[in-house]
């Protein structure tokens, strides 16, 4: 994509310098140069992320390690005299434990079973609650209503943000896709009312999981959106 833009930029500059172009050629060249700059900044941001979070090295197969886990045979040690005498003695009769000794043993088993059962029941509950929290959809209409009046009225959404804000919106709310952000901006400016735009916003929110995005950045985006439809 950057290579294509560079080719277009060279064509516009070449046309102007050779007398074949006009002021429009320069304007187009400036717009293309700005778009190239934005895309290069996004690429640098992604390269920085990759450097901070490199992909883990491939795991070394276990068969490469020559690990002999077979226990080495040990020579039997001579038994003490007392133990040798005890082994040579005739077997003694073992009487079963009395009924009074059984309840403590039985109680310990019951307590352990109860603890294990409680532990097994708690883990799925925690996982289910966590999944529900992260998967809860956003109430975009409510958030936009709360954002009204926090930004001055604007007639068009496109261009009413700084370059830094644009890159932040692209990376945080549109998965790093400048094309998706540009499509959203065009639809915002093409629609006259919030009711018409809400289905499109819901689609973007579900695709890029706005419920997990930085809430401060999302609110800043919605404040500008509310100012457009105010």
C-alpha atoms as a PDB file:
ATOM      1  CA  UNK A   1       0.000   0.000   0.000  1.00  0.00           C
ATOM      2  CA  UNK A   2       2.815   2.435   0.881  1.00  0.00           C
ATOM      3  CA  UNK A   3       4.612   1.543  -2.361  1.00  0.00           C
ATOM      4  CA  UNK A   4       1.484   2.367  -4.381  1.00  0.00           C
ATOM      5  CA  UNK A   5       1.102   5.724  -2.632  1.00  0.00           C
ATOM      6  CA  UNK A   6       4.778   6.502  -3.230  1.00  0.00           C
ATOM      7  CA  UNK A   7       4.336   5.776  -6.931  1.00  0.00           C
ATOM      8  CA  UNK A   8       1.326   8.107  -7.091  1.00  0.00           C
ATOM      9  CA  UNK A   9       3.257  10.817  -5.247  1.00  0.00           C
ATOM     10  CA  UNK A  10       6.160  10.560  -7.698  1.00  0.00           C
ATOM     11  CA  UNK A  11       3.737  10.787 -10.633  1.00  0.00           C
ATOM     12  CA  UNK A  12       2.110  13.969  -9.315  1.00  0.00           C
ATOM     13  CA  UNK A  13       5.468  15.625  -8.572  1.00  0.00           C
ATOM     14  CA  UNK A  14       6.878  14.572 -11.957  1.00  0.00           C
ATOM     15  CA  UNK A  15       3.829  15.975 -13.759  1.00  0.00           C
ATOM     16  CA  UNK A  16       4.157  19.334 -12.013  1.00  0.00           C
ATOM     17  CA  UNK A  17       7.917  19.697 -12.484  1.00  0.00           C
ATOM     18  CA  UNK A  18       7.612  18.900 -16.200  1.00  0.00           C
ATOM     19  CA  UNK A  19       4.902  21.485 -16.750  1.00  0.00           C
ATOM     20  CA  UNK A  20       2.174  18.911 -17.325  1.00  0.00           C
ATOM     21  CA  UNK A  21       0.489  19.460 -13.966  1.00  0.00           C
ATOM     22  CA  UNK A  22      -1.110  22.350 -12.121  1.00  0.00           C
ATOM     23  CA  UNK A  23      -1.885  23.473  -8.574  1.00  0.00           C
ATOM     24  CA  UNK A  24      -4.202  20.480  -8.265  1.00  0.00           C
ATOM     25  CA  UNK A  25      -1.203  18.201  -8.796  1.00  0.00           C
ATOM     26  CA  UNK A  26       0.553  19.830  -5.844  1.00  0.00           C
ATOM     27  CA  UNK A  27      -2.549  19.542  -3.654  1.00  0.00           C
ATOM     28  CA  UNK A  28      -2.869  15.858  -4.486  1.00  0.00           C
ATOM     29  CA  UNK A  29       0.840  15.352  -3.823  1.00  0.00           C
ATOM     30  CA  UNK A  30       0.497  16.994  -0.394  1.00  0.00           C
ATOM     31  CA  UNK A  31      -2.497  14.791   0.521  1.00  0.00           C
ATOM     32  CA  UNK A  32      -0.688  11.651  -0.637  1.00  0.00           C
ATOM     33  CA  UNK A  33       2.437  12.628   1.324  1.00  0.00           C
ATOM     34  CA  UNK A  34       0.342  13.114   4.459  1.00  0.00           C
ATOM     35  CA  UNK A  35      -1.276   9.696   3.997  1.00  0.00           C
ATOM     36  CA  UNK A  36       2.157   8.090   3.523  1.00  0.00           C
ATOM     37  CA  UNK A  37       3.359   9.775   6.719  1.00  0.00           C
ATOM     38  CA  UNK A  38       0.378   8.436   8.690  1.00  0.00           C
ATOM     39  CA  UNK A  39       0.855   4.895   7.425  1.00  0.00           C
ATOM     40  CA  UNK A  40       4.578   4.971   8.209  1.00  0.00           C
ATOM     41  CA  UNK A  41       3.816   6.130  11.759  1.00  0.00           C
ATOM     42  CA  UNK A  42       1.371   3.236  12.144  1.00  0.00           C
ATOM     43  CA  UNK A  43       3.992   0.808  10.832  1.00  0.00           C
ATOM     44  CA  UNK A  44       6.520   2.202  13.295  1.00  0.00           C
ATOM     45  CA  UNK A  45       4.011   1.769  16.122  1.00  0.00           C
ATOM     46  CA  UNK A  46       3.437  -1.871  15.150  1.00  0.00           C
ATOM     47  CA  UNK A  47       7.184  -2.479  14.857  1.00  0.00           C
ATOM     48  CA  UNK A  48       7.615  -1.014  18.344  1.00  0.00           C
ATOM     49  CA  UNK A  49       4.926  -3.363  19.698  1.00  0.00           C
ATOM     50  CA  UNK A  50       6.602  -6.332  18.027  1.00  0.00           C
ATOM     51  CA  UNK A  51       9.916  -5.385  19.628  1.00  0.00           C
ATOM     52  CA  UNK A  52       8.316  -5.115  23.067  1.00  0.00           C
ATOM     53  CA  UNK A  53       6.430  -8.395  22.733  1.00  0.00           C
ATOM     54  CA  UNK A  54       8.549 -10.710  20.559  1.00  0.00           C
ATOM     55  CA  UNK A  55       7.177 -14.075  19.556  1.00  0.00           C
ATOM     56  CA  UNK A  56       8.365 -16.834  21.863  1.00  0.00           C
ATOM     57  CA  UNK A  57      11.120 -19.139  20.651  1.00  0.00           C
ATOM     58  CA  UNK A  58      10.047 -22.497  19.355  1.00  0.00           C
ATOM     59  CA  UNK A  59       9.921 -25.131  22.050  1.00  0.00           C
ATOM     60  CA  UNK A  60      12.691 -27.700  21.921  1.00  0.00           C
ATOM     61  CA  UNK A  61      11.272 -31.222  21.450  1.00  0.00           C
ATOM     62  CA  UNK A  62      11.653 -33.395  24.496  1.00  0.00           C
ATOM     63  CA  UNK A  63      13.255 -36.211  22.512  1.00  0.00           C
ATOM     64  CA  UNK A  64      16.375 -34.090  22.004  1.00  0.00           C
ATOM     65  CA  UNK A  65      17.244 -34.496  25.679  1.00  0.00           C
ATOM     66  CA  UNK A  66      18.890 -37.746  26.661  1.00  0.00           C
ATOM     67  CA  UNK A  67      17.322 -38.151  30.062  1.00  0.00           C
ATOM     68  CA  UNK A  68      17.642 -41.516  31.734  1.00  0.00           C
ATOM     69  CA  UNK A  69      14.971 -41.611  34.399  1.00  0.00           C
ATOM     70  CA  UNK A  70      15.493 -45.281  35.270  1.00  0.00           C
ATOM     71  CA  UNK A  71      16.382 -45.474  38.953  1.00  0.00           C
ATOM     72  CA  UNK A  72      19.822 -46.904  39.564  1.00  0.00           C
ATOM     73  CA  UNK A  73      19.857 -50.202  41.424  1.00  0.00           C
ATOM     74  CA  UNK A  74      20.831 -49.858  45.031  1.00  0.00           C
ATOM     75  CA  UNK A  75      22.566 -52.457  47.105  1.00  0.00           C
ATOM     76  CA  UNK A  76      20.434 -53.640  50.020  1.00  0.00           C
ATOM     77  CA  UNK A  77      21.767 -52.354  53.292  1.00  0.00           C
ATOM     78  CA  UNK A  78      22.155 -54.824  56.142  1.00  0.00           C
ATOM     79  CA  UNK A  79      19.248 -54.675  58.555  1.00  0.00           C
ATOM     80  CA  UNK A  80      19.854 -53.757  62.159  1.00  0.00           C
ATOM     81  CA  UNK A  81      19.818 -56.643  64.599  1.00  0.00           C
ATOM     82  CA  UNK A  82      16.467 -55.639  66.107  1.00  0.00           C
ATOM     83  CA  UNK A  83      14.741 -55.514  62.703  1.00  0.00           C
ATOM     84  CA  UNK A  84      16.294 -58.833  61.659  1.00  0.00           C
ATOM     85  CA  UNK A  85      14.967 -60.468  64.811  1.00  0.00           C
ATOM     86  CA  UNK A  86      11.533 -58.924  64.184  1.00  0.00           C
ATOM     87  CA  UNK A  87      11.436 -60.329  60.631  1.00  0.00           C
ATOM     88  CA  UNK A  88      12.369 -63.814  61.877  1.00  0.00           C
ATOM     89  CA  UNK A  89       9.685 -63.713  64.562  1.00  0.00           C
ATOM     90  CA  UNK A  90       6.370 -65.541  63.869  1.00  0.00           C
ATOM     91  CA  UNK A  91       3.573 -63.363  62.462  1.00  0.00           C
ATOM     92  CA  UNK A  92       1.267 -61.852  65.016  1.00  0.00           C
ATOM     93  CA  UNK A  93      -2.485 -61.599  64.675  1.00  0.00           C
ATOM     94  CA  UNK A  94      -3.713 -58.105  63.773  1.00  0.00           C
ATOM     95  CA  UNK A  95      -7.057 -57.235  65.280  1.00  0.00           C
ATOM     96  CA  UNK A  96      -9.364 -54.763  63.467  1.00  0.00           C
ATOM     97  CA  UNK A  97      -9.651 -51.326  64.916  1.00  0.00           C
ATOM     98  CA  UNK A  98     -12.442 -50.767  67.350  1.00  0.00           C
ATOM     99  CA  UNK A  99     -15.583 -48.938  66.262  1.00  0.00           C
ATOM    100  CA  UNK A 100     -14.595 -45.941  68.396  1.00  0.00           C
ATOM    101  CA  UNK A 101     -11.509 -45.340  66.236  1.00  0.00           C
ATOM    102  CA  UNK A 102     -13.401 -45.411  62.918  1.00  0.00           C
ATOM    103  CA  UNK A 103     -15.377 -42.117  63.124  1.00  0.00           C
ATOM    104  CA  UNK A 104     -12.313 -39.809  63.188  1.00  0.00           C
ATOM    105  CA  UNK A 105     -10.946 -41.542  60.091  1.00  0.00           C
ATOM    106  CA  UNK A 106     -14.328 -41.376  58.389  1.00  0.00           C
ATOM    107  CA  UNK A 107     -14.764 -37.719  59.338  1.00  0.00           C
ATOM    108  CA  UNK A 108     -11.443 -36.750  57.751  1.00  0.00           C
ATOM    109  CA  UNK A 109     -12.536 -38.380  54.499  1.00  0.00           C
ATOM    110  CA  UNK A 110     -15.842 -36.541  54.527  1.00  0.00           C
ATOM    111  CA  UNK A 111     -14.182 -33.183  55.207  1.00  0.00           C
ATOM    112  CA  UNK A 112     -11.698 -33.735  52.387  1.00  0.00           C
ATOM    113  CA  UNK A 113     -14.496 -34.655  49.996  1.00  0.00           C
ATOM    114  CA  UNK A 114     -16.447 -31.540  50.956  1.00  0.00           C
ATOM    115  CA  UNK A 115     -13.401 -29.314  50.432  1.00  0.00           C
ATOM    116  CA  UNK A 116     -12.657 -30.892  47.065  1.00  0.00           C
ATOM    117  CA  UNK A 117     -16.290 -30.553  46.044  1.00  0.00           C
ATOM    118  CA  UNK A 118     -16.325 -26.873  47.015  1.00  0.00           C
ATOM    119  CA  UNK A 119     -13.138 -26.241  45.067  1.00  0.00           C
ATOM    120  CA  UNK A 120     -14.564 -27.928  41.984  1.00  0.00           C
ATOM    121  CA  UNK A 121     -17.725 -25.826  42.186  1.00  0.00           C
ATOM    122  CA  UNK A 122     -15.940 -22.473  42.636  1.00  0.00           C
ATOM    123  CA  UNK A 123     -13.698 -22.574  39.545  1.00  0.00           C
ATOM    124  CA  UNK A 124     -16.422 -22.825  36.851  1.00  0.00           C
ATOM    125  CA  UNK A 125     -18.399 -20.095  38.638  1.00  0.00           C
ATOM    126  CA  UNK A 126     -15.396 -17.744  38.536  1.00  0.00           C
ATOM    127  CA  UNK A 127     -14.755 -18.520  34.884  1.00  0.00           C
ATOM    128  CA  UNK A 128     -18.398 -17.974  33.928  1.00  0.00           C
ATOM    129  CA  UNK A 129     -18.568 -14.601  35.688  1.00  0.00           C
ATOM    130  CA  UNK A 130     -15.306 -13.477  34.094  1.00  0.00           C
ATOM    131  CA  UNK A 131     -16.528 -14.517  30.646  1.00  0.00           C
ATOM    132  CA  UNK A 132     -19.801 -12.637  31.141  1.00  0.00           C
ATOM    133  CA  UNK A 133     -17.985  -9.465  32.201  1.00  0.00           C
ATOM    134  CA  UNK A 134     -15.711  -9.428  29.153  1.00  0.00           C
ATOM    135  CA  UNK A 135     -18.399 -10.436  26.667  1.00  0.00           C
ATOM    136  CA  UNK A 136     -21.020  -7.887  27.760  1.00  0.00           C
ATOM    137  CA  UNK A 137     -21.883  -5.646  24.782  1.00  0.00           C
ATOM    138  CA  UNK A 138     -21.593  -1.879  24.999  1.00  0.00           C
ATOM    139  CA  UNK A 139     -24.614   0.367  25.321  1.00  0.00           C
ATOM    140  CA  UNK A 140     -23.413   2.751  22.620  1.00  0.00           C
ATOM    141  CA  UNK A 141     -26.581   4.838  22.662  1.00  0.00           C
ATOM    142  CA  UNK A 142     -26.174   5.447  26.383  1.00  0.00           C
ATOM    143  CA  UNK A 143     -22.469   6.268  26.069  1.00  0.00           C
ATOM    144  CA  UNK A 144     -23.143   8.711  23.214  1.00  0.00           C
ATOM    145  CA  UNK A 145     -25.932  10.323  25.241  1.00  0.00           C
ATOM    146  CA  UNK A 146     -23.507  10.808  28.145  1.00  0.00           C
ATOM    147  CA  UNK A 147     -20.940  12.295  25.740  1.00  0.00           C
ATOM    148  CA  UNK A 148     -23.261  15.032  24.444  1.00  0.00           C
ATOM    149  CA  UNK A 149     -22.116  18.564  25.187  1.00  0.00           C
ATOM    150  CA  UNK A 150     -18.545  17.583  26.067  1.00  0.00           C
ATOM    151  CA  UNK A 151     -17.243  18.689  22.649  1.00  0.00           C
ATOM    152  CA  UNK A 152     -18.160  21.779  20.672  1.00  0.00           C
ATOM    153  CA  UNK A 153     -20.558  21.315  17.749  1.00  0.00           C
ATOM    154  CA  UNK A 154     -18.905  20.188  14.497  1.00  0.00           C
ATOM    155  CA  UNK A 155     -20.418  19.987  11.024  1.00  0.00           C
ATOM    156  CA  UNK A 156     -18.226  17.144   9.742  1.00  0.00           C
ATOM    157  CA  UNK A 157     -16.386  14.420  11.621  1.00  0.00           C
ATOM    158  CA  UNK A 158     -13.556  14.056   9.104  1.00  0.00           C
ATOM    159  CA  UNK A 159     -10.562  16.215  10.019  1.00  0.00           C
ATOM    160  CA  UNK A 160     -11.832  17.279  13.454  1.00  0.00           C
ATOM    161  CA  UNK A 161      -9.039  15.405  15.207  1.00  0.00           C
ATOM    162  CA  UNK A 162      -5.292  15.731  15.381  1.00  0.00           C
ATOM    163  CA  UNK A 163      -2.915  13.319  13.678  1.00  0.00           C
ATOM    164  CA  UNK A 164      -2.052  11.860  17.081  1.00  0.00           C
ATOM    165  CA  UNK A 165      -5.748  11.340  17.880  1.00  0.00           C
ATOM    166  CA  UNK A 166      -6.326   9.716  14.489  1.00  0.00           C
ATOM    167  CA  UNK A 167      -3.504   7.211  15.026  1.00  0.00           C
ATOM    168  CA  UNK A 168      -4.769   6.515  18.559  1.00  0.00           C
ATOM    169  CA  UNK A 169      -8.314   5.860  17.296  1.00  0.00           C
ATOM    170  CA  UNK A 170      -7.001   3.577  14.525  1.00  0.00           C
ATOM    171  CA  UNK A 171      -4.835   1.491  16.859  1.00  0.00           C
ATOM    172  CA  UNK A 172      -7.271   1.311  19.789  1.00  0.00           C
ATOM    173  CA  UNK A 173     -10.711   1.133  18.154  1.00  0.00           C
ATOM    174  CA  UNK A 174     -10.072  -0.241  14.644  1.00  0.00           C
ATOM    175  CA  UNK A 175      -7.387  -2.892  15.149  1.00  0.00           C
ATOM    176  CA  UNK A 176      -4.702  -0.799  13.449  1.00  0.00           C
ATOM    177  CA  UNK A 177      -6.677  -0.645  10.178  1.00  0.00           C
ATOM    178  CA  UNK A 178      -6.660   2.846   8.668  1.00  0.00           C
ATOM    179  CA  UNK A 179      -9.043   1.561   5.968  1.00  0.00           C
ATOM    180  CA  UNK A 180     -11.675   0.611   8.563  1.00  0.00           C
ATOM    181  CA  UNK A 181     -11.278   3.961  10.295  1.00  0.00           C
ATOM    182  CA  UNK A 182     -11.638   5.807   6.989  1.00  0.00           C
ATOM    183  CA  UNK A 183     -14.761   3.792   6.165  1.00  0.00           C
ATOM    184  CA  UNK A 184     -16.282   4.662   9.556  1.00  0.00           C
ATOM    185  CA  UNK A 185     -15.517   8.378   9.109  1.00  0.00           C
ATOM    186  CA  UNK A 186     -17.158   8.427   5.662  1.00  0.00           C
ATOM    187  CA  UNK A 187     -20.287   6.729   7.010  1.00  0.00           C
ATOM    188  CA  UNK A 188     -20.481   9.133   9.968  1.00  0.00           C
ATOM    189  CA  UNK A 189     -20.363  12.158   7.662  1.00  0.00           C
ATOM    190  CA  UNK A 190     -22.759  10.555   5.166  1.00  0.00           C
ATOM    191  CA  UNK A 191     -25.518   9.896   7.727  1.00  0.00           C
ATOM    192  CA  UNK A 192     -27.724  12.666   9.075  1.00  0.00           C
ATOM    193  CA  UNK A 193     -28.850  11.109  12.334  1.00  0.00           C
ATOM    194  CA  UNK A 194     -27.560   8.892  15.118  1.00  0.00           C
ATOM    195  CA  UNK A 195     -30.338   6.310  14.668  1.00  0.00           C
ATOM    196  CA  UNK A 196     -29.156   5.675  11.128  1.00  0.00           C
ATOM    197  CA  UNK A 197     -25.521   5.330  12.211  1.00  0.00           C
ATOM    198  CA  UNK A 198     -25.989   3.152  15.307  1.00  0.00           C
ATOM    199  CA  UNK A 199     -26.146  -0.218  13.459  1.00  0.00           C
ATOM    200  CA  UNK A 200     -22.850   0.612  11.737  1.00  0.00           C
ATOM    201  CA  UNK A 201     -21.267   1.593  15.058  1.00  0.00           C
ATOM    202  CA  UNK A 202     -22.496  -1.621  16.689  1.00  0.00           C
ATOM    203  CA  UNK A 203     -20.861  -3.582  13.874  1.00  0.00           C
ATOM    204  CA  UNK A 204     -17.512  -1.843  14.399  1.00  0.00           C
ATOM    205  CA  UNK A 205     -17.828  -2.260  18.183  1.00  0.00           C
ATOM    206  CA  UNK A 206     -18.387  -6.014  17.903  1.00  0.00           C
ATOM    207  CA  UNK A 207     -15.679  -6.517  15.272  1.00  0.00           C
ATOM    208  CA  UNK A 208     -12.983  -4.681  17.227  1.00  0.00           C
ATOM    209  CA  UNK A 209     -14.284  -5.428  20.770  1.00  0.00           C
ATOM    210  CA  UNK A 210     -14.747  -1.872  21.950  1.00  0.00           C
ATOM    211  CA  UNK A 211     -15.903  -3.231  25.313  1.00  0.00           C
ATOM    212  CA  UNK A 212     -12.269  -4.179  25.996  1.00  0.00           C
ATOM    213  CA  UNK A 213     -10.783  -0.950  24.599  1.00  0.00           C
ATOM    214  CA  UNK A 214      -9.347   1.921  26.625  1.00  0.00           C
ATOM    215  CA  UNK A 215     -12.505   3.639  27.885  1.00  0.00           C
ATOM    216  CA  UNK A 216     -10.929   7.117  27.891  1.00  0.00           C
ATOM    217  CA  UNK A 217     -10.022   6.846  24.184  1.00  0.00           C
ATOM    218  CA  UNK A 218     -13.450   5.404  23.331  1.00  0.00           C
ATOM    219  CA  UNK A 219     -15.193   8.260  25.162  1.00  0.00           C
ATOM    220  CA  UNK A 220     -13.085  10.835  23.296  1.00  0.00           C
ATOM    221  CA  UNK A 221     -14.154   9.265  19.976  1.00  0.00           C
ATOM    222  CA  UNK A 222     -17.820   9.218  21.015  1.00  0.00           C
ATOM    223  CA  UNK A 223     -17.678  12.848  22.211  1.00  0.00           C
ATOM    224  CA  UNK A 224     -16.681  13.924  18.695  1.00  0.00           C
ATOM    225  CA  UNK A 225     -19.388  11.670  17.269  1.00  0.00           C
ATOM    226  CA  UNK A 226     -22.021  13.213  19.552  1.00  0.00           C
ATOM    227  CA  UNK A 227     -20.843  16.703  18.541  1.00  0.00           C
ATOM    228  CA  UNK A 228     -21.412  15.777  14.876  1.00  0.00           C
ATOM    229  CA  UNK A 229     -25.037  14.752  15.501  1.00  0.00           C
ATOM    230  CA  UNK A 230     -25.802  17.473  18.079  1.00  0.00           C
END
